[in-house]
C-alpha cells in the first residue's frame, strides 16, 4: 500500500471513529465539533479519491 492509500485509510478510520463518537455525544455540545471535524475529513478524503481516480 502506498503512502496515499495509507493516508486515505487513516482518514476513513478517523471518520468512522467520529461517527461512533457522535452517537455517544448525541446530546452533548461536542456533537457539533465532531460533525464539523467529520465534514472536514470527508472533504479531504473525497478530494484525495478524486485526485487518485484522475491519475
N, C-alpha and C. Protein backbone atom coordinates (compact mmCIF):
# COMPACT_ATOMS: atom_id res chain seq x y z
N UNK A 1 0.86 -1.18 0.00
CA UNK A 1 0.00 0.00 0.00
C UNK A 1 0.90 1.23 0.00
N UNK A 2 0.65 2.14 -0.90
CA UNK A 2 1.48 3.34 -0.95
C UNK A 2 1.03 4.36 0.10
N UNK A 3 1.79 5.42 0.20
CA UNK A 3 1.54 6.43 1.23
C UNK A 3 0.16 7.07 1.10
N UNK A 4 -0.28 7.34 -0.12
CA UNK A 4 -1.58 7.98 -0.32
C UNK A 4 -2.71 7.08 0.12
N UNK A 5 -2.62 5.80 -0.24
CA UNK A 5 -3.66 4.87 0.17
C UNK A 5 -3.68 4.68 1.67
N UNK A 6 -2.51 4.67 2.28
CA UNK A 6 -2.43 4.56 3.74
C UNK A 6 -3.05 5.78 4.41
N UNK A 7 -2.77 6.94 3.86
CA UNK A 7 -3.35 8.17 4.41
C UNK A 7 -4.87 8.17 4.27
N UNK A 8 -5.35 7.69 3.13
CA UNK A 8 -6.79 7.62 2.91
C UNK A 8 -7.43 6.63 3.88
N UNK A 9 -6.77 5.53 4.13
CA UNK A 9 -7.29 4.54 5.09
C UNK A 9 -7.34 5.13 6.49
N UNK A 10 -6.32 5.90 6.86
CA UNK A 10 -6.32 6.54 8.18
C UNK A 10 -7.44 7.57 8.29
N UNK A 11 -7.65 8.34 7.22
CA UNK A 11 -8.74 9.32 7.22
C UNK A 11 -10.09 8.63 7.39
N UNK A 12 -10.29 7.53 6.65
CA UNK A 12 -11.56 6.82 6.76
C UNK A 12 -11.74 6.23 8.15
N UNK A 13 -10.67 5.73 8.75
CA UNK A 13 -10.75 5.20 10.11
C UNK A 13 -11.12 6.30 11.09
N UNK A 14 -10.57 7.48 10.90
CA UNK A 14 -10.88 8.62 11.78
C UNK A 14 -12.35 9.04 11.62
N UNK A 15 -12.83 9.06 10.38
CA UNK A 15 -14.23 9.39 10.13
C UNK A 15 -15.14 8.38 10.81
N UNK A 16 -14.79 7.10 10.69
CA UNK A 16 -15.59 6.05 11.34
C UNK A 16 -15.60 6.21 12.86
N UNK A 17 -14.43 6.56 13.43
CA UNK A 17 -14.36 6.77 14.88
C UNK A 17 -15.21 7.96 15.31
N UNK A 18 -15.21 9.01 14.51
CA UNK A 18 -16.03 10.18 14.82
C UNK A 18 -17.51 9.82 14.75
N UNK A 19 -17.90 9.01 13.75
CA UNK A 19 -19.29 8.57 13.66
C UNK A 19 -19.73 7.85 14.94
N UNK A 20 -18.87 6.97 15.44
CA UNK A 20 -19.19 6.24 16.67
C UNK A 20 -19.30 7.22 17.84
N UNK A 21 -18.39 8.16 17.90
CA UNK A 21 -18.38 9.13 19.00
C UNK A 21 -19.62 10.03 18.95
N UNK A 22 -20.08 10.35 17.74
CA UNK A 22 -21.25 11.22 17.60
C UNK A 22 -22.49 10.57 18.21
N UNK A 23 -22.59 9.25 18.13
CA UNK A 23 -23.73 8.55 18.73
C UNK A 23 -23.68 8.69 20.26
N UNK A 24 -22.50 8.58 20.81
CA UNK A 24 -22.32 8.70 22.26
C UNK A 24 -22.60 10.12 22.71
N UNK A 25 -22.14 11.10 21.95
CA UNK A 25 -22.25 12.51 22.31
C UNK A 25 -23.47 13.18 21.68
N UNK A 26 -24.47 12.41 21.32
CA UNK A 26 -25.59 12.97 20.57
C UNK A 26 -26.32 14.08 21.33
N UNK A 27 -26.27 14.07 22.64
CA UNK A 27 -26.94 15.11 23.43
C UNK A 27 -25.95 16.10 24.03
N UNK A 28 -24.77 16.14 23.49
CA UNK A 28 -23.71 16.95 24.07
C UNK A 28 -23.29 18.04 23.08
N UNK A 29 -22.71 19.09 23.58
CA UNK A 29 -22.23 20.16 22.71
C UNK A 29 -21.08 19.70 21.82
N UNK A 30 -20.38 18.64 22.24
CA UNK A 30 -19.28 18.12 21.42
C UNK A 30 -19.77 17.57 20.09
N UNK A 31 -21.05 17.26 20.00
CA UNK A 31 -21.60 16.71 18.76
C UNK A 31 -21.32 17.63 17.57
N UNK A 32 -21.52 18.93 17.76
CA UNK A 32 -21.27 19.88 16.67
C UNK A 32 -19.80 19.90 16.28
N UNK A 33 -18.92 19.79 17.25
CA UNK A 33 -17.49 19.74 16.96
C UNK A 33 -17.17 18.49 16.16
N UNK A 34 -17.71 17.36 16.58
CA UNK A 34 -17.48 16.11 15.86
C UNK A 34 -18.01 16.19 14.43
N UNK A 35 -19.18 16.78 14.28
CA UNK A 35 -19.78 16.91 12.97
C UNK A 35 -18.91 17.76 12.05
N UNK A 36 -18.40 18.85 12.57
CA UNK A 36 -17.52 19.74 11.79
C UNK A 36 -16.23 19.00 11.39
N UNK A 37 -15.65 18.27 12.33
CA UNK A 37 -14.43 17.50 12.03
C UNK A 37 -14.71 16.44 10.98
N UNK A 38 -15.83 15.76 11.12
CA UNK A 38 -16.19 14.72 10.16
C UNK A 38 -16.34 15.31 8.76
N UNK A 39 -17.00 16.43 8.66
CA UNK A 39 -17.19 17.06 7.34
C UNK A 39 -15.86 17.46 6.72
N UNK A 40 -14.97 18.02 7.53
CA UNK A 40 -13.67 18.43 7.01
C UNK A 40 -12.86 17.22 6.54
N UNK A 41 -12.84 16.17 7.35
CA UNK A 41 -12.11 14.97 6.96
C UNK A 41 -12.71 14.32 5.72
N UNK A 42 -14.03 14.33 5.62
CA UNK A 42 -14.68 13.73 4.47
C UNK A 42 -14.36 14.51 3.20
N UNK A 43 -14.28 15.84 3.30
CA UNK A 43 -13.92 16.65 2.14
C UNK A 43 -12.50 16.32 1.68
N UNK A 44 -11.59 16.18 2.62
CA UNK A 44 -10.21 15.84 2.28
C UNK A 44 -10.16 14.47 1.61
N UNK A 45 -10.86 13.49 2.20
CA UNK A 45 -10.87 12.15 1.64
C UNK A 45 -11.48 12.13 0.24
N UNK A 46 -12.56 12.85 0.05
CA UNK A 46 -13.20 12.92 -1.27
C UNK A 46 -12.27 13.52 -2.31
N UNK A 47 -11.54 14.57 -1.93
CA UNK A 47 -10.59 15.19 -2.86
C UNK A 47 -9.46 14.22 -3.22
N UNK A 48 -8.98 13.49 -2.21
CA UNK A 48 -7.91 12.53 -2.46
C UNK A 48 -8.39 11.42 -3.40
N UNK A 49 -9.62 10.95 -3.20
CA UNK A 49 -10.17 9.90 -4.06
C UNK A 49 -10.35 10.43 -5.49
N UNK A 50 -10.83 11.65 -5.62
CA UNK A 50 -10.99 12.24 -6.95
C UNK A 50 -9.66 12.41 -7.65
N UNK A 51 -8.65 12.84 -6.92
CA UNK A 51 -7.32 13.02 -7.49
C UNK A 51 -6.74 11.68 -7.93
N UNK A 52 -6.94 10.63 -7.12
CA UNK A 52 -6.42 9.31 -7.46
C UNK A 52 -7.13 8.71 -8.67
N UNK A 53 -8.42 9.02 -8.83
CA UNK A 53 -9.15 8.47 -9.96
C UNK A 53 -8.75 9.15 -11.28
N UNK A 54 -8.22 10.38 -11.19
CA UNK A 54 -7.77 11.10 -12.38
C UNK A 54 -6.40 10.60 -12.83
N UNK A 55 -5.62 10.13 -11.89
CA UNK A 55 -4.24 9.72 -12.19
C UNK A 55 -4.18 8.38 -12.90
